[in-house]
């Protein structure tokens, strides 16, 4: 089940990479985000978090619909993780 957000919210996407159940840290991690009806774009990635080993990226959605994201790890470990979230249509327009 995907989370639902409103236009203008800041959405934090995350990925945690493992190999045989052990946490791993790829040399490079890239996050791609695909908004409805648009080409994918790259989002800035931070991490890994010291406590959780999570890599994160943020996006501020500006269009309603289903958004997709993909983290790709390369280098020492090759891995990928994808996710999805929904953005509601604005009921009260600005």
N, C-alpha and C. Protein backbone atom coordinates (compact mmCIF):
# COMPACT_ATOMS: atom_id res chain seq x y z
N UNK A 1 0.85 -1.18 0.00
CA UNK A 1 0.00 0.00 0.00
C UNK A 1 0.89 1.24 0.00
N UNK A 2 0.58 2.18 -0.86
CA UNK A 2 1.40 3.38 -0.95
C UNK A 2 0.81 4.50 -0.09
N UNK A 3 1.67 5.40 0.32
CA UNK A 3 1.24 6.55 1.12
C UNK A 3 0.61 7.60 0.20
N UNK A 4 -0.24 8.43 0.76
CA UNK A 4 -0.90 9.50 0.00
C UNK A 4 -0.52 10.84 0.58
N UNK A 5 -0.17 11.78 -0.32
CA UNK A 5 0.26 13.11 0.07
C UNK A 5 -0.56 14.16 -0.66
N UNK A 6 -0.37 15.41 -0.27
CA UNK A 6 -1.01 16.53 -0.93
C UNK A 6 0.03 17.29 -1.74
N UNK A 7 -0.43 18.00 -2.77
CA UNK A 7 0.46 18.86 -3.54
C UNK A 7 1.09 19.86 -2.58
N UNK A 8 2.40 20.01 -2.64
CA UNK A 8 3.12 20.92 -1.77
C UNK A 8 3.74 20.27 -0.55
N UNK A 9 3.34 19.03 -0.22
CA UNK A 9 3.99 18.31 0.88
C UNK A 9 5.43 17.98 0.46
N UNK A 10 6.30 17.80 1.43
CA UNK A 10 7.63 17.30 1.15
C UNK A 10 7.61 15.80 1.42
N UNK A 11 7.89 15.02 0.39
CA UNK A 11 7.86 13.57 0.49
C UNK A 11 9.29 13.06 0.60
N UNK A 12 9.57 12.29 1.64
CA UNK A 12 10.88 11.69 1.83
C UNK A 12 10.81 10.24 1.38
N UNK A 13 11.60 9.91 0.38
CA UNK A 13 11.69 8.55 -0.13
C UNK A 13 12.95 7.93 0.46
N UNK A 14 12.94 6.62 0.67
CA UNK A 14 14.13 6.00 1.24
C UNK A 14 14.36 4.60 0.71
N UNK A 15 15.61 4.17 0.81
CA UNK A 15 16.00 2.82 0.43
C UNK A 15 17.05 2.33 1.42
N UNK A 16 16.95 1.06 1.75
CA UNK A 16 17.95 0.40 2.58
C UNK A 16 18.42 -0.82 1.79
N UNK A 17 19.70 -0.90 1.53
CA UNK A 17 20.25 -1.97 0.71
C UNK A 17 20.81 -3.09 1.59
N UNK A 18 20.50 -4.33 1.21
CA UNK A 18 21.02 -5.49 1.94
C UNK A 18 21.51 -6.54 0.94
N UNK A 19 22.38 -7.38 1.42
CA UNK A 19 22.87 -8.53 0.67
C UNK A 19 22.87 -9.71 1.62
N UNK A 20 22.04 -10.70 1.34
CA UNK A 20 21.89 -11.88 2.21
C UNK A 20 21.55 -11.45 3.64
N UNK A 21 20.71 -10.43 3.78
CA UNK A 21 20.26 -9.97 5.09
C UNK A 21 21.19 -9.01 5.80
N UNK A 22 22.35 -8.77 5.23
CA UNK A 22 23.32 -7.84 5.83
C UNK A 22 23.23 -6.48 5.15
N UNK A 23 23.31 -5.42 5.94
CA UNK A 23 23.31 -4.07 5.37
C UNK A 23 24.56 -3.85 4.55
N UNK A 24 24.40 -3.23 3.38
CA UNK A 24 25.53 -2.92 2.51
C UNK A 24 25.46 -1.46 2.07
N UNK A 25 26.60 -0.92 1.69
CA UNK A 25 26.68 0.46 1.23
C UNK A 25 27.29 0.50 -0.16
N UNK A 26 26.46 0.73 -1.18
CA UNK A 26 27.01 0.89 -2.53
C UNK A 26 27.93 2.10 -2.59
N UNK A 27 28.83 2.12 -3.56
CA UNK A 27 29.74 3.26 -3.71
C UNK A 27 28.98 4.52 -4.09
N UNK A 28 28.02 4.38 -5.01
CA UNK A 28 27.22 5.51 -5.48
C UNK A 28 25.75 5.13 -5.44
N UNK A 29 24.91 6.04 -4.95
CA UNK A 29 23.47 5.81 -4.93
C UNK A 29 22.79 6.97 -5.66
N UNK A 30 21.92 6.63 -6.60
CA UNK A 30 21.17 7.61 -7.38
C UNK A 30 19.69 7.35 -7.18
N UNK A 31 18.89 8.42 -7.13
CA UNK A 31 17.44 8.28 -7.01
C UNK A 31 16.79 8.96 -8.20
N UNK A 32 15.91 8.22 -8.87
CA UNK A 32 15.14 8.76 -9.99
C UNK A 32 13.68 8.85 -9.57
N UNK A 33 13.03 9.94 -9.95
CA UNK A 33 11.63 10.16 -9.61
C UNK A 33 10.85 10.38 -10.89
N UNK A 34 9.68 9.74 -10.99
CA UNK A 34 8.83 9.87 -12.17
C UNK A 34 7.46 10.35 -11.73
N UNK A 35 7.13 11.60 -12.12
CA UNK A 35 5.82 12.17 -11.87
C UNK A 35 4.88 11.77 -13.00
N UNK A 36 3.56 11.76 -12.76
CA UNK A 36 2.61 11.41 -13.81
C UNK A 36 2.77 12.31 -15.04
N UNK A 37 2.92 11.67 -16.20
CA UNK A 37 2.99 12.41 -17.45
C UNK A 37 4.29 13.14 -17.72
N UNK A 38 5.32 12.86 -16.94
CA UNK A 38 6.61 13.54 -17.10
C UNK A 38 7.74 12.53 -17.23
N UNK A 39 8.86 13.01 -17.74
CA UNK A 39 10.07 12.18 -17.80
C UNK A 39 10.65 12.06 -16.39
N UNK A 40 11.41 11.00 -16.17
CA UNK A 40 12.03 10.84 -14.85
C UNK A 40 13.10 11.91 -14.65
N UNK A 41 13.28 12.31 -13.39
CA UNK A 41 14.32 13.26 -13.02
C UNK A 41 15.13 12.67 -11.88
N UNK A 42 16.31 13.20 -11.69
CA UNK A 42 17.18 12.73 -10.62
C UNK A 42 16.98 13.60 -9.39
N UNK A 43 16.89 12.96 -8.22
CA UNK A 43 16.75 13.67 -6.95
C UNK A 43 18.04 13.53 -6.16
N UNK A 44 18.38 14.55 -5.38
CA UNK A 44 19.58 14.50 -4.54
C UNK A 44 19.42 13.45 -3.45
N UNK A 45 20.46 12.64 -3.26
CA UNK A 45 20.43 11.56 -2.28
C UNK A 45 21.35 11.91 -1.11
N UNK A 46 20.87 11.64 0.10
CA UNK A 46 21.72 11.75 1.29
C UNK A 46 21.80 10.37 1.94
N UNK A 47 22.88 10.18 2.69
CA UNK A 47 23.01 8.91 3.39
C UNK A 47 24.32 8.24 3.08
N UNK A 48 24.51 7.13 3.72
CA UNK A 48 23.54 6.42 4.55
C UNK A 48 23.44 7.03 5.95
N UNK A 49 22.24 6.94 6.52
CA UNK A 49 22.00 7.39 7.89
C UNK A 49 22.80 6.52 8.85
N UNK A 50 23.42 7.12 9.84
CA UNK A 50 24.28 6.40 10.78
C UNK A 50 23.49 5.34 11.55
N UNK A 51 22.26 5.64 11.94
CA UNK A 51 21.47 4.70 12.76
C UNK A 51 20.72 3.65 11.94
N UNK A 52 20.21 4.02 10.77
CA UNK A 52 19.34 3.12 10.02
C UNK A 52 19.94 2.58 8.73
N UNK A 53 21.05 3.15 8.28
CA UNK A 53 21.69 2.81 7.00
C UNK A 53 20.81 3.16 5.80
N UNK A 54 19.80 4.02 6.01
CA UNK A 54 18.89 4.40 4.92
C UNK A 54 19.48 5.53 4.09
N UNK A 55 19.26 5.44 2.79
CA UNK A 55 19.54 6.52 1.85
C UNK A 55 18.21 7.21 1.62
N UNK A 56 18.21 8.54 1.59
CA UNK A 56 16.96 9.27 1.42
C UNK A 56 17.08 10.32 0.32
N UNK A 57 15.93 10.69 -0.22
CA UNK A 57 15.82 11.78 -1.19
C UNK A 57 14.45 12.40 -0.95
N UNK A 58 14.33 13.69 -1.24
CA UNK A 58 13.07 14.39 -1.03
C UNK A 58 12.58 15.00 -2.34
N UNK A 59 11.26 15.09 -2.44
CA UNK A 59 10.61 15.71 -3.59
C UNK A 59 9.37 16.44 -3.08
N UNK A 60 9.04 17.56 -3.71
CA UNK A 60 7.83 18.30 -3.37
C UNK A 60 6.87 18.18 -4.56
N UNK A 61 5.91 17.28 -4.49
CA UNK A 61 5.03 17.04 -5.63
C UNK A 61 4.21 18.28 -6.01
N UNK A 62 4.08 18.48 -7.33
CA UNK A 62 3.33 19.63 -7.82
C UNK A 62 2.22 19.21 -8.77
N UNK A 63 1.95 17.90 -8.87
CA UNK A 63 0.89 17.39 -9.72
C UNK A 63 0.31 16.14 -9.06
N UNK A 64 -1.01 15.97 -9.18
CA UNK A 64 -1.63 14.81 -8.56
C UNK A 64 -1.44 13.56 -9.41
N UNK A 65 -1.62 12.42 -8.77
CA UNK A 65 -1.49 11.14 -9.45
C UNK A 65 -0.52 10.22 -8.73
N UNK A 66 -0.12 9.17 -9.42
CA UNK A 66 0.80 8.18 -8.87
C UNK A 66 2.22 8.52 -9.27
N UNK A 67 3.09 8.66 -8.28
CA UNK A 67 4.51 8.95 -8.48
C UNK A 67 5.31 7.68 -8.21
N UNK A 68 6.37 7.48 -8.97
CA UNK A 68 7.25 6.32 -8.80
C UNK A 68 8.67 6.82 -8.54
N UNK A 69 9.42 6.03 -7.76
CA UNK A 69 10.83 6.36 -7.55
C UNK A 69 11.66 5.10 -7.53
N UNK A 70 12.94 5.26 -7.86
CA UNK A 70 13.88 4.14 -7.90
C UNK A 70 15.24 4.58 -7.41
N UNK A 71 15.75 3.90 -6.39
CA UNK A 71 17.12 4.10 -5.93
C UNK A 71 17.98 3.03 -6.59
N UNK A 72 19.12 3.45 -7.13
CA UNK A 72 20.06 2.51 -7.75
C UNK A 72 21.41 2.65 -7.08
N UNK A 73 21.95 1.54 -6.60
CA UNK A 73 23.27 1.51 -6.00
C UNK A 73 24.25 0.85 -6.94
N UNK A 74 25.41 1.46 -7.11
CA UNK A 74 26.44 0.91 -7.99
C UNK A 74 27.79 0.93 -7.27
N UNK A 75 28.76 0.26 -7.85
CA UNK A 75 30.11 0.24 -7.27
C UNK A 75 30.34 -1.03 -6.49
N UNK A 76 30.67 -0.89 -5.19
CA UNK A 76 30.95 -2.05 -4.35
C UNK A 76 29.78 -3.02 -4.29
N UNK A 77 28.56 -2.51 -4.32
CA UNK A 77 27.36 -3.35 -4.31
C UNK A 77 26.40 -2.82 -5.36
N UNK A 78 25.85 -3.72 -6.17
CA UNK A 78 24.87 -3.37 -7.18
C UNK A 78 23.50 -3.74 -6.61
N UNK A 79 22.61 -2.74 -6.50
CA UNK A 79 21.30 -2.99 -5.93
C UNK A 79 20.32 -1.93 -6.40
N UNK A 80 19.05 -2.24 -6.29
CA UNK A 80 18.01 -1.28 -6.64
C UNK A 80 16.81 -1.49 -5.73
N UNK A 81 16.09 -0.41 -5.50
CA UNK A 81 14.86 -0.48 -4.72
C UNK A 81 13.90 0.55 -5.28
N UNK A 82 12.64 0.13 -5.48
CA UNK A 82 11.64 1.02 -6.04
C UNK A 82 10.49 1.22 -5.07
N UNK A 83 9.78 2.32 -5.27
CA UNK A 83 8.61 2.61 -4.45
C UNK A 83 7.63 3.48 -5.20
N UNK A 84 6.49 3.69 -4.60
CA UNK A 84 5.42 4.46 -5.21
C UNK A 84 4.67 5.22 -4.12
N UNK A 85 4.15 6.38 -4.48
CA UNK A 85 3.26 7.11 -3.58
C UNK A 85 2.25 7.87 -4.42
N UNK A 86 1.16 8.26 -3.80
CA UNK A 86 0.08 8.95 -4.49
C UNK A 86 -0.02 10.39 -4.01
N UNK A 87 -0.45 11.27 -4.91
CA UNK A 87 -0.68 12.67 -4.57
C UNK A 87 -2.13 12.99 -4.95
N UNK A 88 -2.88 13.47 -3.95
CA UNK A 88 -4.30 13.80 -4.17
C UNK A 88 -4.46 15.05 -5.01
N UNK A 89 -5.56 15.10 -5.70
CA UNK A 89 -5.94 16.32 -6.43
C UNK A 89 -6.36 17.37 -5.40
N UNK A 90 -5.98 18.61 -5.64
CA UNK A 90 -6.35 19.68 -4.72
C UNK A 90 -7.85 19.90 -4.75
N UNK A 91 -8.47 19.94 -3.57
CA UNK A 91 -9.90 20.22 -3.47
C UNK A 91 -10.15 21.72 -3.40
N UNK A 92 -9.17 22.45 -2.87
CA UNK A 92 -9.27 23.90 -2.76
C UNK A 92 -8.10 24.48 -3.53
N UNK A 93 -8.37 25.01 -4.71
CA UNK A 93 -7.30 25.56 -5.56
C UNK A 93 -6.83 26.91 -5.02
N UNK A 94 -5.55 27.23 -5.23
CA UNK A 94 -5.03 28.52 -4.75
C UNK A 94 -5.62 29.69 -5.52
